[in-house]
Amino acid sequence: MSSSLQPTPEQVLKRLEWTVIRRLDGLLQGDYRTLFRGGGIDLIDLREYQLHDDVRHIDWNVTARLQVPHVRVYSEDRELSAWFLLDLSASIGFGSAALTKEALSAQFVAVLARLLTRRGNRVGALLYGSEVDTVLPPRGGRNQVLQLLRHMRTRPAKKGPTSTDLAALLRAADHVAHRRSLVFVVSDFISHPGWDEALARLARRHEVIAVRLIDPLERELPAVGLASLQDAESGEQIFVDTLDPKLRKRFAALVEQRDAALLDAFGRANVAAIELSTDDDLLDALLRFAELRRRQRRLAAGGALPAHLRPLQGGAA
């Protein structure tokens, strides 16, 4: 689609403010702690470790001296800084219907960034095409959200066929985000291997939420007979018979294997995860996520779960 026919960032944000943000405001009734929480840096106390405590707050020097685990207690910031790590590589441009994964990413970012800035918080972003080509420092206000959407729309052209290196984006964020923040990694997680280690390292300093973008055609091979399939990043093309039962069975097995590997990676990194599909309703997806976060926080407070997050699915619990 020609860029002249695409809605402007102002039009996108205004539409989402009327169709999603206002409704989400009413449905959550101001309970934004279901989606976000502060990551204060002011040390106010040291006390013995309890079952529900975040192991990342253990003070190892005090623990070694007293021979009893102790944790640092921080005051919670009123102001939250959030970073959006945006994978805008070639595969993100795919979409089997009217909405591409890239457009879905823009909508998600617009809603979450505006919800945050409306409460006086600051948002920033790192954008990755074939490399990290844009860094937008955290600021507040509606104009910051519009600036972010403009950067997503007008980022530098990709440098030809290439494979995504998601670890480069995660490492860049580790160097740029100095203060403990809420970090959204928005990607389809189609990447060179090795990004899981960078994700775990990032999650040791920040509260990280993995936002996985998917399209229905990436989960189920359509039965259309002979078809030409092209790798969105390398440009490689192959012809396949989509009616071949062996091919369909192998494809389903690969999808299941990949899903399991992603969940395992998120779990090892102690990262929460939400899944967004191009055929999903964004408001419904955010409400499901809010409910899962609310339930998770209740369980964590009761000691049934560690305070650091374990993986969540965007769908029904």
C-alpha atoms as a PDB file:
ATOM      1  CA  MET A   1       0.000   0.000   0.000  1.00  0.00           C
ATOM      2  CA  SER A   2       1.264   3.457  -0.848  1.00  0.00           C
ATOM      3  CA  SER A   3       2.393   5.462   2.161  1.00  0.00           C
ATOM      4  CA  SER A   4       0.120   8.286   1.012  1.00  0.00           C
ATOM      5  CA  LEU A   5      -2.873   5.982   1.535  1.00  0.00           C
ATOM      6  CA  GLN A   6      -1.812   4.812   4.987  1.00  0.00           C
ATOM      7  CA  PRO A   7      -3.319   6.594   7.993  1.00  0.00           C
ATOM      8  CA  THR A   8      -1.019   9.120   9.628  1.00  0.00           C
ATOM      9  CA  PRO A   9       0.258   8.506  13.182  1.00  0.00           C
ATOM     10  CA  GLU A  10      -2.183  11.183  14.382  1.00  0.00           C
ATOM     11  CA  GLN A  11      -5.090   9.359  12.729  1.00  0.00           C
ATOM     12  CA  VAL A  12      -3.979   5.989  14.106  1.00  0.00           C
ATOM     13  CA  LEU A  13      -3.651   7.278  17.648  1.00  0.00           C
ATOM     14  CA  LYS A  14      -6.922   9.228  17.556  1.00  0.00           C
ATOM     15  CA  ARG A  15      -8.805   6.163  16.308  1.00  0.00           C
ATOM     16  CA  LEU A  16      -7.272   3.950  19.000  1.00  0.00           C
ATOM     17  CA  GLU A  17      -8.028   6.508  21.692  1.00  0.00           C
ATOM     18  CA  TRP A  18     -11.719   6.245  20.784  1.00  0.00           C
ATOM     19  CA  THR A  19     -11.959   2.533  20.058  1.00  0.00           C
ATOM     20  CA  VAL A  20      -9.542   0.917  22.533  1.00  0.00           C
ATOM     21  CA  ILE A  21      -7.992   3.260  25.093  1.00  0.00           C
ATOM     22  CA  ARG A  22     -11.233   4.841  26.308  1.00  0.00           C
ATOM     23  CA  ARG A  23     -12.895   1.432  26.625  1.00  0.00           C
ATOM     24  CA  LEU A  24      -9.855  -0.039  28.368  1.00  0.00           C
ATOM     25  CA  ASP A  25      -9.918   2.888  30.794  1.00  0.00           C
ATOM     26  CA  GLY A  26     -13.476   2.059  31.781  1.00  0.00           C
ATOM     27  CA  LEU A  27     -13.033  -1.700  31.927  1.00  0.00           C
ATOM     28  CA  LEU A  28      -9.910  -1.529  34.101  1.00  0.00           C
ATOM     29  CA  GLN A  29     -11.410   1.263  36.215  1.00  0.00           C
ATOM     30  CA  GLY A  30      -8.015   2.832  36.747  1.00  0.00           C
ATOM     31  CA  ASP A  31      -6.366  -0.364  38.002  1.00  0.00           C
ATOM     32  CA  TYR A  32      -3.228   0.069  35.924  1.00  0.00           C
ATOM     33  CA  ARG A  33      -1.199  -2.000  38.378  1.00  0.00           C
ATOM     34  CA  THR A  34      -2.681  -5.030  36.625  1.00  0.00           C
ATOM     35  CA  LEU A  35      -0.630  -4.075  33.570  1.00  0.00           C
ATOM     36  CA  PHE A  36       2.262  -2.064  34.978  1.00  0.00           C
ATOM     37  CA  ARG A  37       4.192  -1.754  38.184  1.00  0.00           C
ATOM     38  CA  GLY A  38       6.920   0.580  39.325  1.00  0.00           C
ATOM     39  CA  GLY A  39      10.559  -0.387  39.588  1.00  0.00           C
ATOM     40  CA  GLY A  40      11.787   1.944  42.303  1.00  0.00           C
ATOM     41  CA  ILE A  41      15.470   2.448  42.989  1.00  0.00           C
ATOM     42  CA  ASP A  42      15.367   3.934  46.498  1.00  0.00           C
ATOM     43  CA  LEU A  43      16.569   1.402  49.098  1.00  0.00           C
ATOM     44  CA  ILE A  44      14.450   1.699  52.236  1.00  0.00           C
ATOM     45  CA  ASP A  45      15.102  -1.518  54.197  1.00  0.00           C
ATOM     46  CA  LEU A  46      16.851  -4.881  54.498  1.00  0.00           C
ATOM     47  CA  ARG A  47      14.960  -7.889  55.832  1.00  0.00           C
ATOM     48  CA  GLU A  48      15.016 -11.676  55.795  1.00  0.00           C
ATOM     49  CA  TYR A  49      14.004 -13.374  52.562  1.00  0.00           C
ATOM     50  CA  GLN A  50      10.395 -14.592  52.335  1.00  0.00           C
ATOM     51  CA  LEU A  51       8.921 -17.114  49.922  1.00  0.00           C
ATOM     52  CA  HIS A  52       7.208 -14.525  47.690  1.00  0.00           C
ATOM     53  CA  ASP A  53      10.282 -12.249  47.369  1.00  0.00           C
ATOM     54  CA  ASP A  54      12.057 -11.598  44.073  1.00  0.00           C
ATOM     55  CA  VAL A  55      15.381 -13.443  44.182  1.00  0.00           C
ATOM     56  CA  ARG A  56      16.912 -10.608  42.165  1.00  0.00           C
ATOM     57  CA  HIS A  57      16.639  -8.419  45.292  1.00  0.00           C
ATOM     58  CA  ILE A  58      18.758 -10.718  47.477  1.00  0.00           C
ATOM     59  CA  ASP A  59      21.693  -8.846  49.046  1.00  0.00           C
ATOM     60  CA  TRP A  60      24.403 -11.457  48.747  1.00  0.00           C
ATOM     61  CA  ASN A  61      26.938  -9.602  50.919  1.00  0.00           C
ATOM     62  CA  VAL A  62      24.532  -9.368  53.850  1.00  0.00           C
ATOM     63  CA  THR A  63      23.379 -12.955  53.245  1.00  0.00           C
ATOM     64  CA  ALA A  64      26.955 -14.238  53.377  1.00  0.00           C
ATOM     65  CA  ARG A  65      27.723 -12.242  56.530  1.00  0.00           C
ATOM     66  CA  LEU A  66      24.597 -13.278  58.474  1.00  0.00           C
ATOM     67  CA  GLN A  67      24.241 -16.757  56.944  1.00  0.00           C
ATOM     68  CA  VAL A  68      20.532 -16.032  56.415  1.00  0.00           C
ATOM     69  CA  PRO A  69      19.119 -14.828  53.058  1.00  0.00           C
ATOM     70  CA  HIS A  70      18.265 -11.118  53.157  1.00  0.00           C
ATOM     71  CA  VAL A  71      16.594  -8.987  50.479  1.00  0.00           C
ATOM     72  CA  ARG A  72      16.722  -5.297  49.714  1.00  0.00           C
ATOM     73  CA  VAL A  73      13.380  -3.495  49.918  1.00  0.00           C
ATOM     74  CA  TYR A  74      12.849  -0.604  47.539  1.00  0.00           C
ATOM     75  CA  SER A  75      10.302   2.158  47.461  1.00  0.00           C
ATOM     76  CA  GLU A  76       8.138   2.086  44.357  1.00  0.00           C
ATOM     77  CA  ASP A  77       8.544   4.961  41.939  1.00  0.00           C
ATOM     78  CA  ARG A  78       5.493   7.018  41.180  1.00  0.00           C
ATOM     79  CA  GLU A  79       6.933   7.599  37.739  1.00  0.00           C
ATOM     80  CA  LEU A  80       7.627   4.588  35.546  1.00  0.00           C
ATOM     81  CA  SER A  81       9.975   4.435  32.589  1.00  0.00           C
ATOM     82  CA  ALA A  82       9.044   1.994  29.841  1.00  0.00           C
ATOM     83  CA  TRP A  83      11.009   0.917  26.778  1.00  0.00           C
ATOM     84  CA  PHE A  84       9.617  -0.632  23.615  1.00  0.00           C
ATOM     85  CA  LEU A  85      12.137  -2.857  21.827  1.00  0.00           C
ATOM     86  CA  LEU A  86      10.631  -3.070  18.351  1.00  0.00           C
ATOM     87  CA  ASP A  87      11.601  -5.755  15.873  1.00  0.00           C
ATOM     88  CA  LEU A  88      10.747  -4.254  12.480  1.00  0.00           C
ATOM     89  CA  SER A  89      12.668  -6.756  10.370  1.00  0.00           C
ATOM     90  CA  ALA A  90      11.364  -8.131   7.063  1.00  0.00           C
ATOM     91  CA  SER A  91       9.259 -10.929   8.562  1.00  0.00           C
ATOM     92  CA  ILE A  92       7.243  -8.379  10.562  1.00  0.00           C
ATOM     93  CA  GLY A  93       5.801  -7.070   7.302  1.00  0.00           C
ATOM     94  CA  PHE A  94       3.887 -10.314   6.755  1.00  0.00           C
ATOM     95  CA  GLY A  95       0.114 -10.514   7.099  1.00  0.00           C
ATOM     96  CA  SER A  96      -2.392 -12.913   5.566  1.00  0.00           C
ATOM     97  CA  ALA A  97      -5.319 -10.481   5.759  1.00  0.00           C
ATOM     98  CA  ALA A  98      -5.811  -6.731   6.087  1.00  0.00           C
ATOM     99  CA  LEU A  99      -3.502  -6.403   9.100  1.00  0.00           C
ATOM    100  CA  THR A 100       0.223  -7.139   9.017  1.00  0.00           C
ATOM    101  CA  LYS A 101       2.309  -7.952  12.064  1.00  0.00           C
ATOM    102  CA  GLU A 102       3.921  -4.541  11.638  1.00  0.00           C
ATOM    103  CA  ALA A 103       0.546  -2.768  11.761  1.00  0.00           C
ATOM    104  CA  LEU A 104      -0.430  -4.858  14.803  1.00  0.00           C
ATOM    105  CA  SER A 105       2.820  -3.853  16.478  1.00  0.00           C
ATOM    106  CA  ALA A 106       2.095  -0.172  15.826  1.00  0.00           C
ATOM    107  CA  GLN A 107      -1.392  -0.494  17.327  1.00  0.00           C
ATOM    108  CA  PHE A 108      -0.125  -2.288  20.419  1.00  0.00           C
ATOM    109  CA  VAL A 109       2.632   0.274  20.942  1.00  0.00           C
ATOM    110  CA  ALA A 110       0.232   3.184  20.468  1.00  0.00           C
ATOM    111  CA  VAL A 111      -2.221   1.835  23.064  1.00  0.00           C
ATOM    112  CA  LEU A 112       0.338   0.848  25.692  1.00  0.00           C
ATOM    113  CA  ALA A 113       2.466   3.969  25.252  1.00  0.00           C
ATOM    114  CA  ARG A 114      -0.576   6.233  25.516  1.00  0.00           C
ATOM    115  CA  LEU A 115      -1.868   4.413  28.611  1.00  0.00           C
ATOM    116  CA  LEU A 116       1.513   4.931  30.233  1.00  0.00           C
ATOM    117  CA  THR A 117       1.994   8.578  29.277  1.00  0.00           C
ATOM    118  CA  ARG A 118      -1.552   9.477  30.370  1.00  0.00           C
ATOM    119  CA  ARG A 119      -0.459   8.593  33.921  1.00  0.00           C
ATOM    120  CA  GLY A 120       2.681  10.753  33.798  1.00  0.00           C
ATOM    121  CA  ASN A 121       5.086   7.960  32.874  1.00  0.00           C
ATOM    122  CA  ARG A 122       7.804   8.127  30.238  1.00  0.00           C
ATOM    123  CA  VAL A 123       8.262   5.866  27.220  1.00  0.00           C
ATOM    124  CA  GLY A 124      11.222   5.305  24.923  1.00  0.00           C
ATOM    125  CA  ALA A 125      12.047   2.884  22.140  1.00  0.00           C
ATOM    126  CA  LEU A 126      14.735   1.074  20.192  1.00  0.00           C
ATOM    127  CA  LEU A 127      13.859   0.185  16.585  1.00  0.00           C
ATOM    128  CA  TYR A 128      15.492  -2.706  14.757  1.00  0.00           C
ATOM    129  CA  GLY A 129      15.301  -3.200  10.990  1.00  0.00           C
ATOM    130  CA  SER A 130      18.436  -4.998   9.885  1.00  0.00           C
ATOM    131  CA  GLU A 131      20.223  -3.359  12.821  1.00  0.00           C
ATOM    132  CA  VAL A 132      19.355  -1.031  15.690  1.00  0.00           C
ATOM    133  CA  ASP A 133      18.859   2.110  13.630  1.00  0.00           C
ATOM    134  CA  THR A 134      16.791   4.333  15.958  1.00  0.00           C
ATOM    135  CA  VAL A 135      16.907   5.113  19.674  1.00  0.00           C
ATOM    136  CA  LEU A 136      14.149   7.307  21.094  1.00  0.00           C
ATOM    137  CA  PRO A 137      14.964   8.392  24.684  1.00  0.00           C
ATOM    138  CA  PRO A 138      12.127   8.129  27.236  1.00  0.00           C
ATOM    139  CA  ARG A 139       9.834  11.134  27.475  1.00  0.00           C
ATOM    140  CA  GLY A 140       6.242  11.714  28.490  1.00  0.00           C
ATOM    141  CA  GLY A 141       3.184  13.126  26.776  1.00  0.00           C
ATOM    142  CA  ARG A 142       1.040  12.422  23.750  1.00  0.00           C
ATOM    143  CA  ASN A 143       3.603  13.971  21.391  1.00  0.00           C
ATOM    144  CA  GLN A 144       6.124  11.339  22.446  1.00  0.00           C
ATOM    145  CA  VAL A 145       3.696   8.606  21.396  1.00  0.00           C
ATOM    146  CA  LEU A 146       3.184  10.303  18.019  1.00  0.00           C
ATOM    147  CA  GLN A 147       6.941  10.655  17.614  1.00  0.00           C
ATOM    148  CA  LEU A 148       7.354   6.943  18.273  1.00  0.00           C
ATOM    149  CA  LEU A 149       4.698   6.037  15.698  1.00  0.00           C
ATOM    150  CA  ARG A 150       6.348   8.338  13.132  1.00  0.00           C
ATOM    151  CA  HIS A 151       9.691   6.614  13.677  1.00  0.00           C
ATOM    152  CA  MET A 152       8.040   3.234  13.170  1.00  0.00           C
ATOM    153  CA  ARG A 153       6.539   4.453   9.903  1.00  0.00           C
ATOM    154  CA  THR A 154       9.580   6.268   8.470  1.00  0.00           C
ATOM    155  CA  ARG A 155      12.489   4.132   9.676  1.00  0.00           C
ATOM    156  CA  PRO A 156      15.514   3.641   7.365  1.00  0.00           C
ATOM    157  CA  ALA A 157      15.102   1.234   4.434  1.00  0.00           C
ATOM    158  CA  LYS A 158      16.222  -2.346   5.035  1.00  0.00           C
ATOM    159  CA  LYS A 159      19.589  -3.312   3.618  1.00  0.00           C
ATOM    160  CA  GLY A 160      18.388  -6.138   1.392  1.00  0.00           C
ATOM    161  CA  PRO A 161      17.713  -9.763   2.422  1.00  0.00           C
ATOM    162  CA  THR A 162      19.112 -10.476   5.853  1.00  0.00           C
ATOM    163  CA  SER A 163      18.444 -12.614   8.909  1.00  0.00           C
ATOM    164  CA  THR A 164      17.230 -11.029  12.120  1.00  0.00           C
ATOM    165  CA  ASP A 165      19.623 -10.914  15.047  1.00  0.00           C
ATOM    166  CA  LEU A 166      17.278 -10.220  17.949  1.00  0.00           C
ATOM    167  CA  ALA A 167      20.157 -10.521  20.406  1.00  0.00           C
ATOM    168  CA  ALA A 168      21.621  -7.301  18.976  1.00  0.00           C
ATOM    169  CA  LEU A 169      18.443  -5.417  19.873  1.00  0.00           C
ATOM    170  CA  LEU A 170      18.386  -6.878  23.399  1.00  0.00           C
ATOM    171  CA  ARG A 171      22.067  -6.122  23.983  1.00  0.00           C
ATOM    172  CA  ALA A 172      21.574  -2.544  22.799  1.00  0.00           C
ATOM    173  CA  ALA A 173      18.727  -2.099  25.278  1.00  0.00           C
ATOM    174  CA  ASP A 174      20.921  -3.445  28.074  1.00  0.00           C
ATOM    175  CA  HIS A 175      23.390  -0.623  27.377  1.00  0.00           C
ATOM    176  CA  VAL A 176      20.826   2.142  26.842  1.00  0.00           C
ATOM    177  CA  ALA A 177      18.289   1.496  29.626  1.00  0.00           C
ATOM    178  CA  HIS A 178      20.332   2.334  32.718  1.00  0.00           C
ATOM    179  CA  ARG A 179      17.469   2.711  35.175  1.00  0.00           C
ATOM    180  CA  ARG A 180      15.247  -0.240  36.089  1.00  0.00           C
ATOM    181  CA  SER A 181      12.316  -0.071  33.660  1.00  0.00           C
ATOM    182  CA  LEU A 182       9.366  -1.892  32.215  1.00  0.00           C
ATOM    183  CA  VAL A 183      10.531  -3.342  28.891  1.00  0.00           C
ATOM    184  CA  PHE A 184       8.284  -4.620  26.094  1.00  0.00           C
ATOM    185  CA  VAL A 185      10.045  -6.789  23.496  1.00  0.00           C
ATOM    186  CA  VAL A 186       7.691  -6.695  20.505  1.00  0.00           C
ATOM    187  CA  SER A 187       8.745  -9.283  17.919  1.00  0.00           C
ATOM    188  CA  ASP A 188       7.755 -12.461  16.124  1.00  0.00           C
ATOM    189  CA  PHE A 189      10.944 -13.969  17.588  1.00  0.00           C
ATOM    190  CA  ILE A 190      12.044 -15.283  14.187  1.00  0.00           C
ATOM    191  CA  SER A 191      15.745 -14.763  14.679  1.00  0.00           C
ATOM    192  CA  HIS A 192      19.234 -16.170  14.793  1.00  0.00           C
ATOM    193  CA  PRO A 193      19.681 -18.352  17.895  1.00  0.00           C
ATOM    194  CA  GLY A 194      21.277 -16.938  21.021  1.00  0.00           C
ATOM    195  CA  TRP A 195      18.750 -14.207  21.794  1.00  0.00           C
ATOM    196  CA  ASP A 196      17.431 -16.104  24.824  1.00  0.00           C
ATOM    197  CA  GLU A 197      20.653 -15.480  26.755  1.00  0.00           C
ATOM    198  CA  ALA A 198      20.476 -11.747  26.002  1.00  0.00           C
ATOM    199  CA  LEU A 199      16.810 -11.747  27.078  1.00  0.00           C
ATOM    200  CA  ALA A 200      17.642 -13.406  30.398  1.00  0.00           C
ATOM    201  CA  ARG A 201      20.418 -10.895  31.033  1.00  0.00           C
ATOM    202  CA  LEU A 202      18.045  -7.990  30.307  1.00  0.00           C
ATOM    203  CA  ALA A 203      15.402  -9.477  32.637  1.00  0.00           C
ATOM    204  CA  ARG A 204      17.856  -9.511  35.531  1.00  0.00           C
ATOM    205  CA  ARG A 205      17.791  -5.684  35.558  1.00  0.00           C
ATOM    206  CA  HIS A 206      14.300  -4.895  34.247  1.00  0.00           C
ATOM    207  CA  GLU A 207      10.755  -6.197  34.253  1.00  0.00           C
ATOM    208  CA  VAL A 208      10.471  -7.635  30.753  1.00  0.00           C
ATOM    209  CA  ILE A 209       7.335  -8.592  28.848  1.00  0.00           C
ATOM    210  CA  ALA A 210       7.716 -10.505  25.590  1.00  0.00           C
ATOM    211  CA  VAL A 211       5.027  -9.594  23.050  1.00  0.00           C
ATOM    212  CA  ARG A 212       4.991 -12.250  20.339  1.00  0.00           C
ATOM    213  CA  LEU A 213       3.401 -11.254  17.028  1.00  0.00           C
ATOM    214  CA  ILE A 214       1.909 -14.051  14.942  1.00  0.00           C
ATOM    215  CA  ASP A 215      -0.255 -14.544  11.861  1.00  0.00           C
ATOM    216  CA  PRO A 216      -2.670 -17.484  11.430  1.00  0.00           C
ATOM    217  CA  LEU A 217      -0.844 -18.688   8.300  1.00  0.00           C
ATOM    218  CA  GLU A 218       2.269 -19.167  10.417  1.00  0.00           C
ATOM    219  CA  ARG A 219       0.396 -21.683  12.562  1.00  0.00           C
ATOM    220  CA  GLU A 220      -1.520 -23.712   9.981  1.00  0.00           C
ATOM    221  CA  LEU A 221      -0.582 -24.430   6.389  1.00  0.00           C
ATOM    222  CA  PRO A 222      -3.504 -23.599   4.036  1.00  0.00           C
ATOM    223  CA  ALA A 223      -4.686 -26.425   1.778  1.00  0.00           C
ATOM    224  CA  VAL A 224      -4.370 -24.665  -1.595  1.00  0.00           C
ATOM    225  CA  GLY A 225      -2.433 -27.248  -3.626  1.00  0.00           C
ATOM    226  CA  LEU A 226       0.872 -26.269  -5.222  1.00  0.00           C
ATOM    227  CA  ALA A 227       2.148 -23.016  -3.775  1.00  0.00           C
ATOM    228  CA  SER A 228       5.301 -20.921  -3.839  1.00  0.00           C
ATOM    229  CA  LEU A 229       6.558 -20.006  -0.384  1.00  0.00           C
ATOM    230  CA  GLN A 230       9.097 -17.239   0.145  1.00  0.00           C
ATOM    231  CA  ASP A 231      11.254 -16.589   3.184  1.00  0.00           C
ATOM    232  CA  ALA A 232      10.427 -12.995   4.177  1.00  0.00           C
ATOM    233  CA  GLU A 233      13.982 -12.286   5.293  1.00  0.00           C
ATOM    234  CA  SER A 234      16.277 -14.240   2.957  1.00  0.00           C
ATOM    235  CA  GLY A 235      14.044 -14.057  -0.129  1.00  0.00           C
ATOM    236  CA  GLU A 236      14.503 -17.792  -0.777  1.00  0.00           C
ATOM    237  CA  GLN A 237      11.561 -19.441  -2.577  1.00  0.00           C
ATOM    238  CA  ILE A 238      10.403 -23.065  -2.661  1.00  0.00           C
ATOM    239  CA  PHE A 239       7.436 -24.849  -4.256  1.00  0.00           C
ATOM    240  CA  VAL A 240       5.416 -27.168  -2.017  1.00  0.00           C
ATOM    241  CA  ASP A 241       2.262 -29.244  -2.294  1.00  0.00           C
ATOM    242  CA  THR A 242       0.151 -27.990   0.585  1.00  0.00           C
ATOM    243  CA  LEU A 243      -2.224 -30.949   0.165  1.00  0.00           C
ATOM    244  CA  ASP A 244       0.531 -33.436   0.996  1.00  0.00           C
ATOM    245  CA  PRO A 245      -0.455 -34.947   4.385  1.00  0.00           C
ATOM    246  CA  LYS A 246       3.178 -35.671   5.284  1.00  0.00           C
ATOM    247  CA  LEU A 247       4.127 -32.057   4.643  1.00  0.00           C
ATOM    248  CA  ARG A 248       1.183 -30.797   6.680  1.00  0.00           C
ATOM    249  CA  LYS A 249       2.042 -33.126   9.561  1.00  0.00           C
ATOM    250  CA  ARG A 250       5.674 -32.037   9.491  1.00  0.00           C
ATOM    251  CA  PHE A 251       4.650 -28.368   9.392  1.00  0.00           C
ATOM    252  CA  ALA A 252       2.352 -28.824  12.417  1.00  0.00           C
ATOM    253  CA  ALA A 253       5.126 -30.598  14.319  1.00  0.00           C
ATOM    254  CA  LEU A 254       7.561 -27.762  13.593  1.00  0.00           C
ATOM    255  CA  VAL A 255       5.025 -25.177  14.793  1.00  0.00           C
ATOM    256  CA  GLU A 256       4.489 -27.120  18.015  1.00  0.00           C
ATOM    257  CA  GLN A 257       8.229 -27.521  18.502  1.00  0.00           C
ATOM    258  CA  ARG A 258       8.851 -23.811  17.960  1.00  0.00           C
ATOM    259  CA  ASP A 259       6.073 -22.794  20.364  1.00  0.00           C
ATOM    260  CA  ALA A 260       7.461 -25.085  23.049  1.00  0.00           C
ATOM    261  CA  ALA A 261      10.984 -23.745  22.538  1.00  0.00           C
ATOM    262  CA  LEU A 262       9.766 -20.148  22.879  1.00  0.00           C
ATOM    263  CA  LEU A 263       7.848 -20.879  26.072  1.00  0.00           C
ATOM    264  CA  ASP A 264      10.907 -22.625  27.467  1.00  0.00           C
ATOM    265  CA  ALA A 265      13.117 -19.635  26.590  1.00  0.00           C
ATOM    266  CA  PHE A 266      10.702 -17.189  28.232  1.00  0.00           C
ATOM    267  CA  GLY A 267      10.489 -19.404  31.300  1.00  0.00           C
ATOM    268  CA  ARG A 268      14.255 -19.706  31.699  1.00  0.00           C
ATOM    269  CA  ALA A 269      14.548 -15.924  31.380  1.00  0.00           C
ATOM    270  CA  ASN A 270      11.754 -15.324  33.942  1.00  0.00           C
ATOM    271  CA  VAL A 271       9.907 -13.232  31.370  1.00  0.00           C
ATOM    272  CA  ALA A 272       6.133 -12.837  31.036  1.00  0.00           C
ATOM    273  CA  ALA A 273       4.721 -13.375  27.547  1.00  0.00           C
ATOM    274  CA  ILE A 274       1.658 -12.251  25.646  1.00  0.00           C
ATOM    275  CA  GLU A 275       0.728 -13.478  22.171  1.00  0.00           C
ATOM    276  CA  LEU A 276      -0.931 -11.149  19.651  1.00  0.00           C
ATOM    277  CA  SER A 277      -2.355 -12.439  16.386  1.00  0.00           C
ATOM    278  CA  THR A 278      -3.206 -10.362  13.333  1.00  0.00           C
ATOM    279  CA  ASP A 279      -6.739 -11.825  13.435  1.00  0.00           C
ATOM    280  CA  ASP A 280      -7.203 -11.074  17.153  1.00  0.00           C
ATOM    281  CA  ASP A 281      -9.124  -8.215  18.754  1.00  0.00           C
ATOM    282  CA  LEU A 282      -6.557  -5.940  20.397  1.00  0.00           C
ATOM    283  CA  LEU A 283      -8.859  -4.872  23.218  1.00  0.00           C
ATOM    284  CA  ASP A 284      -9.740  -8.486  24.056  1.00  0.00           C
ATOM    285  CA  ALA A 285      -6.065  -9.450  24.011  1.00  0.00           C
ATOM    286  CA  LEU A 286      -5.154  -6.621  26.400  1.00  0.00           C
ATOM    287  CA  LEU A 287      -8.002  -7.510  28.751  1.00  0.00           C
ATOM    288  CA  ARG A 288      -6.915 -11.161  28.810  1.00  0.00           C
ATOM    289  CA  PHE A 289      -3.398 -10.051  29.573  1.00  0.00           C
ATOM    290  CA  ALA A 290      -4.578  -7.707  32.337  1.00  0.00           C
ATOM    291  CA  GLU A 291      -6.556 -10.525  33.947  1.00  0.00           C
ATOM    292  CA  LEU A 292      -3.608 -12.910  33.789  1.00  0.00           C
ATOM    293  CA  ARG A 293      -1.334 -10.258  35.313  1.00  0.00           C
ATOM    294  CA  ARG A 294      -3.868  -9.595  38.073  1.00  0.00           C
ATOM    295  CA  ARG A 295      -4.131 -13.306  38.846  1.00  0.00           C
ATOM    296  CA  GLN A 296      -0.371 -13.687  38.718  1.00  0.00           C
ATOM    297  CA  ARG A 297       0.201 -10.830  41.167  1.00  0.00           C
ATOM    298  CA  ARG A 298      -2.317 -12.364  43.602  1.00  0.00           C
ATOM    299  CA  LEU A 299      -0.579 -15.746  43.413  1.00  0.00           C
ATOM    300  CA  ALA A 300       2.849 -14.158  43.780  1.00  0.00           C
ATOM    301  CA  ALA A 301       1.703 -12.253  46.876  1.00  0.00           C
ATOM    302  CA  GLY A 302       0.465 -15.525  48.370  1.00  0.00           C
ATOM    303  CA  GLY A 303       3.719 -17.313  47.712  1.00  0.00           C
ATOM    304  CA  ALA A 304       2.332 -19.698  45.092  1.00  0.00           C
ATOM    305  CA  LEU A 305       4.536 -18.163  42.408  1.00  0.00           C
ATOM    306  CA  PRO A 306       7.904 -16.399  42.524  1.00  0.00           C
ATOM    307  CA  ALA A 307       7.593 -12.622  42.264  1.00  0.00           C
ATOM    308  CA  HIS A 308       9.655 -12.608  39.105  1.00  0.00           C
ATOM    309  CA  LEU A 309       7.315 -13.508  36.292  1.00  0.00           C
ATOM    310  CA  ARG A 310       6.798 -16.870  34.714  1.00  0.00           C
ATOM    311  CA  PRO A 311       5.495 -17.115  31.117  1.00  0.00           C
ATOM    312  CA  LEU A 312       1.945 -16.102  30.332  1.00  0.00           C
ATOM    313  CA  GLN A 313      -0.147 -16.840  27.286  1.00  0.00           C
ATOM    314  CA  GLY A 314      -2.306 -14.152  25.732  1.00  0.00           C
ATOM    315  CA  GLY A 315      -5.206 -16.586  25.306  1.00  0.00           C
ATOM    316  CA  ALA A 316      -7.520 -18.146  27.782  1.00  0.00           C
ATOM    317  CA  ALA A 317      -5.984 -19.445  30.961  1.00  0.00           C
END
